[in-house]
Amino acid sequence: MLSAPAQAAVTARAPAKVNLLLEVGPLRDDGYHDLLTVFQALDLAEDVTATAADGFSVEVEGAGGVDVTGVPLDERNLALRAALLLAERAGVRGGVHLSVRKGVPVAGGMAGGSADAAAALVACDALWQLHLGLDALGELGAELGADVPFCLHGRTAVGTGRGDRLVPVLTAAPFHWVLVLAGRGLSTPAVFAECDRLREVSGAPVPEADAGERLRAVEAALRAGDPAALGAALANDLQEAACSLAPELSGTLAAGAAAGALAGLVSGSGPTVALLAASAPHARRVAAALRPALGERVRTATGPVPGARVLEAVRAR
């Protein structure tokens, strides 16, 4: 078993994500769906500081107006669960106190909790001098949530299975986004259940999530660095369900189009709306047009960015 760490504290950062494409296959017998998605990591991030301690604990604060009301501080917290899992598997003796600074909206469809887990894994790996590497940490992360492996690796990637089997995608240029945060969160299981309900009501056959025409269009736009082509290719099979549960999202998407965005979609299971811009100045203009009505809920972001990484380490004395 490992004992006292060589570091007194380590701070790690992990990014939010936006789903450029999200295809949802039919409901399986085990209650899950096969997914095909294209993730892009954005420079909206979560910071986690791991400090050597006798036991395991977590505290959470919001950054940039992020509301952390309701974020659990017990073993339901993904960052704490990540630390406990890593300690158990690596045979670490002792504990850690985690300080989470959340810059990603809670329950916003941007993988804020998964980013917490990814940052905690990287910070604790460095604190305890485990040197496990991203692949090993990714295997642990997949046990915590389907988005955790992507938050570890970052950049842009195609995800299959539950979204946790990743293949990197090359991009030729940065892409610029305007994010509109919602006034309330959406439950991911509830959105998937609503998607299933709407499909049952429609009676239309549900296609398998596979590497078809929509994926090829997204990949081609990314390789070309062409925001207009990417805007035309954006798609999310959960968007109708998210808008059904939160009808105000349809108005947000319409407002984004009226403000001049190239395209918009609900991010993942929502309720954050991601609007694609042609450039950084264009993103600022779209954001400025939206702020009189939406205020501080409007943010700008750029992707792709790296995955979870150490920002600072303080050595133990």
Protein backbone atom coordinates (compact mmCIF):
# COMPACT_ATOMS: atom_id res chain seq x y z
CA MET A 1 0.00 0.00 0.00
CA LEU A 2 1.11 3.55 -0.75
CA SER A 3 1.48 5.95 2.17
CA ALA A 4 2.27 9.66 2.42
CA PRO A 5 2.24 11.58 -0.90
CA ALA A 6 5.23 13.41 -2.32
CA GLN A 7 2.92 16.37 -3.02
CA ALA A 8 0.97 18.35 -0.44
CA ALA A 9 -1.62 19.56 -2.98
CA VAL A 10 -2.26 19.26 -6.70
CA THR A 11 -4.70 21.28 -8.83
CA ALA A 12 -6.00 19.80 -12.08
CA ARG A 13 -8.34 21.19 -14.72
CA ALA A 14 -10.76 19.32 -17.00
CA PRO A 15 -12.90 20.74 -19.81
CA ALA A 16 -16.60 20.91 -20.54
CA LYS A 17 -17.86 19.28 -23.72
CA VAL A 18 -20.35 19.96 -26.45
CA ASN A 19 -21.81 17.17 -28.60
CA LEU A 20 -21.49 18.14 -32.26
CA LEU A 21 -23.42 15.02 -33.18
CA LEU A 22 -25.43 12.71 -30.93
CA GLU A 23 -27.16 9.69 -32.43
CA VAL A 24 -29.23 7.57 -30.05
CA GLY A 25 -30.01 3.98 -31.02
CA PRO A 26 -33.04 1.96 -29.89
CA LEU A 27 -33.63 1.18 -26.23
CA ARG A 28 -31.77 -2.01 -25.31
CA ASP A 29 -32.97 -4.76 -22.99
CA ASP A 30 -30.58 -3.51 -20.29
CA GLY A 31 -32.20 -0.06 -20.30
CA TYR A 32 -29.35 1.70 -22.12
CA HIS A 33 -28.95 2.94 -25.68
CA ASP A 34 -26.09 2.55 -28.11
CA LEU A 35 -24.72 6.00 -28.87
CA LEU A 36 -22.62 7.54 -31.58
CA THR A 37 -21.40 11.01 -30.74
CA VAL A 38 -18.75 13.55 -31.63
CA PHE A 39 -17.42 15.39 -28.58
CA GLN A 40 -15.54 18.66 -28.61
CA ALA A 41 -13.81 19.93 -25.46
CA LEU A 42 -14.37 23.60 -24.67
CA ASP A 43 -12.37 26.10 -22.63
CA LEU A 44 -15.12 26.23 -20.00
CA ALA A 45 -13.58 24.15 -17.24
CA GLU A 46 -13.68 22.61 -13.78
CA ASP A 47 -10.72 22.95 -11.39
CA VAL A 48 -10.15 20.39 -8.64
CA THR A 49 -7.50 20.78 -5.93
CA ALA A 50 -6.54 17.57 -4.14
CA THR A 51 -4.92 18.10 -0.72
CA ALA A 52 -3.44 15.33 1.39
CA ALA A 53 -5.74 14.47 4.32
CA ASP A 54 -6.53 11.67 6.74
CA GLY A 55 -10.00 11.01 5.32
CA PHE A 56 -12.01 11.75 2.17
CA SER A 57 -14.05 14.93 1.79
CA VAL A 58 -15.15 17.46 -0.82
CA GLU A 59 -16.17 21.11 -0.97
CA VAL A 60 -17.66 22.90 -3.98
CA GLU A 61 -17.81 26.53 -5.09
CA GLY A 62 -19.19 28.12 -8.25
CA ALA A 63 -17.14 30.24 -10.62
CA GLY A 64 -18.48 32.84 -13.03
CA GLY A 65 -21.98 32.70 -11.63
CA VAL A 66 -22.37 28.91 -11.78
CA ASP A 67 -25.00 27.86 -9.22
CA VAL A 68 -23.78 24.91 -7.16
CA THR A 69 -26.93 24.61 -5.03
CA GLY A 70 -27.80 20.97 -4.75
CA VAL A 71 -24.37 19.61 -5.73
CA PRO A 72 -23.86 16.68 -3.33
CA LEU A 73 -20.99 16.70 -0.87
CA ASP A 74 -21.15 13.01 -0.03
CA GLU A 75 -20.31 9.89 -2.03
CA ARG A 76 -22.81 10.89 -4.73
CA ASN A 77 -20.29 13.57 -5.76
CA LEU A 78 -18.43 12.31 -8.83
CA ALA A 79 -15.12 13.90 -7.87
CA LEU A 80 -15.22 12.23 -4.46
CA ARG A 81 -16.26 8.92 -6.01
CA ALA A 82 -13.31 9.19 -8.39
CA ALA A 83 -10.85 9.71 -5.54
CA LEU A 84 -12.30 6.82 -3.54
CA LEU A 85 -12.20 4.48 -6.54
CA LEU A 86 -8.61 5.41 -7.41
CA ALA A 87 -7.47 4.99 -3.81
CA GLU A 88 -9.14 1.58 -3.56
CA ARG A 89 -7.70 0.25 -6.82
CA ALA A 90 -4.19 1.64 -6.21
CA GLY A 91 -4.03 0.62 -2.54
CA VAL A 92 -3.51 4.15 -1.26
CA ARG A 93 -3.33 4.54 2.52
CA GLY A 94 -4.66 7.87 3.70
CA GLY A 95 -7.15 10.23 2.14
CA VAL A 96 -7.68 13.47 0.29
CA HIS A 97 -9.68 16.66 0.56
CA LEU A 98 -11.05 17.88 -2.78
CA SER A 99 -11.84 21.53 -3.49
CA VAL A 100 -13.95 21.78 -6.64
CA ARG A 101 -14.30 25.09 -8.46
CA LYS A 102 -17.09 24.66 -10.99
CA GLY A 103 -17.06 26.74 -14.17
CA VAL A 104 -19.42 24.40 -16.04
CA PRO A 105 -23.18 24.66 -15.47
CA VAL A 106 -24.67 21.98 -13.22
CA ALA A 107 -26.99 19.51 -15.01
CA GLY A 108 -26.41 21.48 -18.21
CA GLY A 109 -25.54 18.68 -20.65
CA MET A 110 -21.89 19.76 -20.77
CA ALA A 111 -20.37 17.02 -18.58
CA GLY A 112 -19.55 19.20 -15.59
CA GLY A 113 -19.75 16.28 -13.15
CA SER A 114 -17.69 14.11 -15.48
CA ALA A 115 -15.09 16.86 -15.75
CA ASP A 116 -14.96 16.95 -11.93
CA ALA A 117 -14.27 13.21 -11.90
CA ALA A 118 -11.60 13.50 -14.61
CA ALA A 119 -9.83 16.36 -12.83
CA ALA A 120 -10.00 14.49 -9.52
CA LEU A 121 -8.46 11.38 -11.08
CA VAL A 122 -5.58 13.39 -12.57
CA ALA A 123 -5.03 15.43 -9.39
CA CYS A 124 -5.06 12.39 -7.11
CA ASP A 125 -2.85 10.40 -9.48
CA ALA A 126 -0.27 13.19 -9.24
CA LEU A 127 -0.78 13.72 -5.48
CA TRP A 128 -0.19 10.04 -4.76
CA GLN A 129 2.57 9.69 -7.40
CA LEU A 130 0.81 6.77 -9.11
CA HIS A 131 1.78 7.62 -12.72
CA LEU A 132 -1.06 5.50 -14.10
CA GLY A 133 -1.44 7.31 -17.44
CA LEU A 134 -4.58 8.43 -19.24
CA ASP A 135 -5.58 5.01 -20.57
CA ALA A 136 -5.64 3.43 -17.11
CA LEU A 137 -7.39 6.46 -15.63
CA GLY A 138 -9.87 6.34 -18.51
CA GLU A 139 -10.79 2.74 -17.65
CA LEU A 140 -11.54 3.84 -14.09
CA GLY A 141 -13.38 6.89 -15.36
CA ALA A 142 -15.68 4.76 -17.52
CA GLU A 143 -16.88 3.07 -14.33
CA LEU A 144 -17.95 6.47 -13.00
CA GLY A 145 -19.69 7.84 -16.10
CA ALA A 146 -19.69 7.55 -19.88
CA ASP A 147 -18.35 11.10 -20.41
CA VAL A 148 -15.42 10.83 -17.99
CA PRO A 149 -12.97 9.22 -20.47
CA PHE A 150 -13.54 12.05 -22.94
CA CYS A 151 -13.00 14.70 -20.27
CA LEU A 152 -9.67 13.01 -19.55
CA HIS A 153 -8.57 12.99 -23.19
CA GLY A 154 -10.24 16.19 -24.48
CA ARG A 155 -9.77 17.68 -27.96
CA THR A 156 -12.32 16.23 -30.42
CA ALA A 157 -13.32 12.58 -30.59
CA VAL A 158 -15.93 10.16 -31.85
CA GLY A 159 -17.53 8.20 -29.01
CA THR A 160 -19.37 4.90 -29.43
CA GLY A 161 -20.97 2.36 -27.10
CA ARG A 162 -22.15 4.47 -24.19
CA GLY A 163 -19.92 7.24 -25.58
CA ASP A 164 -16.89 5.97 -23.65
CA ARG A 165 -15.07 4.23 -26.54
CA LEU A 166 -13.13 7.06 -28.16
CA VAL A 167 -11.38 7.66 -31.47
CA PRO A 168 -9.68 11.08 -31.91
CA VAL A 169 -10.75 13.35 -34.76
CA LEU A 170 -8.33 15.84 -36.29
CA THR A 171 -9.49 19.43 -36.61
CA ALA A 172 -7.91 22.07 -38.82
CA ALA A 173 -8.93 25.16 -36.84
CA PRO A 174 -10.56 26.29 -33.60
CA PHE A 175 -14.33 26.64 -33.47
CA HIS A 176 -16.13 29.39 -31.61
CA TRP A 177 -19.31 29.01 -29.61
CA VAL A 178 -21.89 31.04 -27.74
CA LEU A 179 -23.39 29.10 -24.85
CA VAL A 180 -26.75 29.97 -23.33
CA LEU A 181 -27.11 28.49 -19.86
CA ALA A 182 -30.58 27.52 -18.71
CA GLY A 183 -32.25 28.67 -15.55
CA ARG A 184 -32.76 25.06 -14.47
CA GLY A 185 -31.16 21.70 -15.06
CA LEU A 186 -32.47 18.64 -16.86
CA SER A 187 -32.10 15.05 -15.70
CA THR A 188 -30.25 12.98 -18.27
CA PRO A 189 -32.32 9.82 -17.54
CA ALA A 190 -35.50 11.88 -17.87
CA VAL A 191 -34.44 13.20 -21.28
CA PHE A 192 -33.62 9.71 -22.55
CA ALA A 193 -36.97 8.45 -21.23
CA GLU A 194 -38.76 11.30 -23.02
CA CYS A 195 -36.87 10.47 -26.23
CA ASP A 196 -38.09 6.87 -25.96
CA ARG A 197 -41.66 8.06 -25.29
CA LEU A 198 -41.70 10.41 -28.28
CA ARG A 199 -40.33 7.67 -30.52
CA GLU A 200 -43.01 5.26 -29.34
CA VAL A 201 -45.72 7.84 -29.98
CA SER A 202 -44.40 8.56 -33.48
CA GLY A 203 -44.30 4.87 -34.40
CA ALA A 204 -41.41 5.50 -36.78
CA PRO A 205 -38.60 2.90 -36.85
CA VAL A 206 -35.56 3.94 -34.79
CA PRO A 207 -32.29 3.68 -36.75
CA GLU A 208 -29.17 2.22 -35.22
CA ALA A 209 -26.50 4.69 -34.09
CA ASP A 210 -23.78 4.05 -36.66
CA ALA A 211 -20.98 5.68 -38.62
CA GLY A 212 -23.20 6.95 -41.40
CA GLU A 213 -23.71 10.07 -43.45
CA ARG A 214 -24.16 12.46 -40.52
CA LEU A 215 -20.85 11.43 -38.96
CA ARG A 216 -19.01 11.76 -42.28
CA ALA A 217 -20.36 15.29 -42.71
CA VAL A 218 -19.20 16.35 -39.22
CA GLU A 219 -15.75 14.81 -39.67
CA ALA A 220 -15.29 16.46 -43.08
CA ALA A 221 -16.21 19.89 -41.67
CA LEU A 222 -13.79 19.43 -38.75
CA ARG A 223 -10.93 18.37 -41.02
CA ALA A 224 -11.59 21.37 -43.28
CA GLY A 225 -11.90 23.80 -40.37
CA ASP A 226 -15.16 24.99 -41.96
CA PRO A 227 -17.63 26.39 -39.39
CA ALA A 228 -20.42 26.85 -41.98
CA ALA A 229 -20.19 23.19 -42.99
CA LEU A 230 -20.05 22.12 -39.36
CA GLY A 231 -23.13 24.19 -38.60
CA ALA A 232 -25.02 22.42 -41.36
CA ALA A 233 -23.98 19.04 -39.95
CA LEU A 234 -24.80 19.58 -36.24
CA ALA A 235 -27.45 17.14 -34.98
CA ASN A 236 -28.75 15.83 -31.66
CA ASP A 237 -31.32 13.04 -31.39
CA LEU A 238 -32.11 14.16 -27.81
CA GLN A 239 -32.97 17.73 -28.77
CA GLU A 240 -36.67 17.11 -29.38
CA ALA A 241 -36.96 15.40 -25.99
CA ALA A 242 -35.08 18.18 -24.19
CA CYS A 243 -37.31 20.82 -25.80
CA SER A 244 -40.39 18.78 -24.86
CA LEU A 245 -39.37 18.82 -21.19
CA ALA A 246 -38.11 22.44 -21.32
CA PRO A 247 -40.10 24.25 -24.04
CA GLU A 248 -38.19 27.49 -23.47
CA LEU A 249 -35.20 25.89 -25.24
CA SER A 250 -36.98 26.25 -28.57
CA GLY A 251 -37.18 29.98 -27.96
CA THR A 252 -33.49 30.13 -27.09
CA LEU A 253 -32.58 28.34 -30.32
CA ALA A 254 -34.76 30.77 -32.29
CA ALA A 255 -33.16 33.74 -30.52
CA GLY A 256 -29.72 32.41 -31.43
CA ALA A 257 -30.68 32.16 -35.09
CA ALA A 258 -32.10 35.68 -35.01
CA ALA A 259 -28.85 36.93 -33.45
CA GLY A 260 -26.91 35.59 -36.44
CA ALA A 261 -25.50 32.29 -35.21
CA LEU A 262 -24.52 29.87 -37.97
CA ALA A 263 -26.42 27.09 -36.22
CA GLY A 264 -27.49 25.96 -32.79
CA LEU A 265 -28.35 22.82 -30.90
CA VAL A 266 -29.07 21.60 -27.41
CA SER A 267 -25.82 20.28 -25.89
CA GLY A 268 -26.15 16.59 -25.05
CA SER A 269 -29.20 15.99 -22.87
CA GLY A 270 -29.48 19.75 -22.28
CA PRO A 271 -30.52 22.24 -21.24
CA THR A 272 -27.50 24.34 -22.33
CA VAL A 273 -27.88 25.65 -25.88
CA ALA A 274 -24.70 25.81 -27.98
CA LEU A 275 -24.64 28.31 -30.86
CA LEU A 276 -21.88 28.06 -33.46
CA ALA A 277 -20.19 31.23 -34.73
CA ALA A 278 -17.96 31.84 -37.73
CA SER A 279 -15.13 33.40 -35.72
CA ALA A 280 -14.26 34.81 -32.31
CA PRO A 281 -15.48 38.34 -33.26
CA HIS A 282 -18.69 36.83 -34.64
CA ALA A 283 -19.22 34.93 -31.37
CA ARG A 284 -18.82 38.19 -29.43
CA ARG A 285 -21.41 39.88 -31.67
CA VAL A 286 -23.91 37.05 -31.25
CA ALA A 287 -23.37 37.08 -27.49
CA ALA A 288 -23.82 40.85 -27.35
CA ALA A 289 -27.10 40.56 -29.25
CA LEU A 290 -28.41 37.96 -26.80
CA ARG A 291 -27.30 39.53 -23.51
CA PRO A 292 -29.98 42.25 -23.24
CA ALA A 293 -32.60 39.50 -22.90
CA LEU A 294 -30.56 36.69 -21.37
CA GLY A 295 -27.93 38.54 -19.31
CA GLU A 296 -25.22 36.54 -17.56
CA ARG A 297 -26.57 33.26 -18.90
CA VAL A 298 -24.66 33.96 -22.13
CA ARG A 299 -21.03 32.80 -22.39
CA THR A 300 -18.51 32.45 -25.20
CA ALA A 301 -16.24 29.44 -25.53
CA THR A 302 -13.68 27.97 -27.93
CA GLY A 303 -12.74 24.39 -28.77
CA PRO A 304 -11.07 22.06 -29.04
CA VAL A 305 -8.88 22.19 -25.93
CA PRO A 306 -6.83 19.54 -24.12
CA GLY A 307 -8.32 17.12 -21.61
CA ALA A 308 -7.64 16.90 -17.89
CA ARG A 309 -4.20 18.12 -16.89
CA VAL A 310 -2.25 19.27 -13.84
CA LEU A 311 -2.13 23.05 -13.37
CA GLU A 312 -0.11 23.28 -10.15
CA ALA A 313 1.59 21.00 -7.64
CA VAL A 314 2.83 22.02 -4.18
CA ARG A 315 5.42 19.68 -2.74
CA ALA A 316 5.08 18.29 0.75
CA ARG A 317 7.60 19.52 3.29
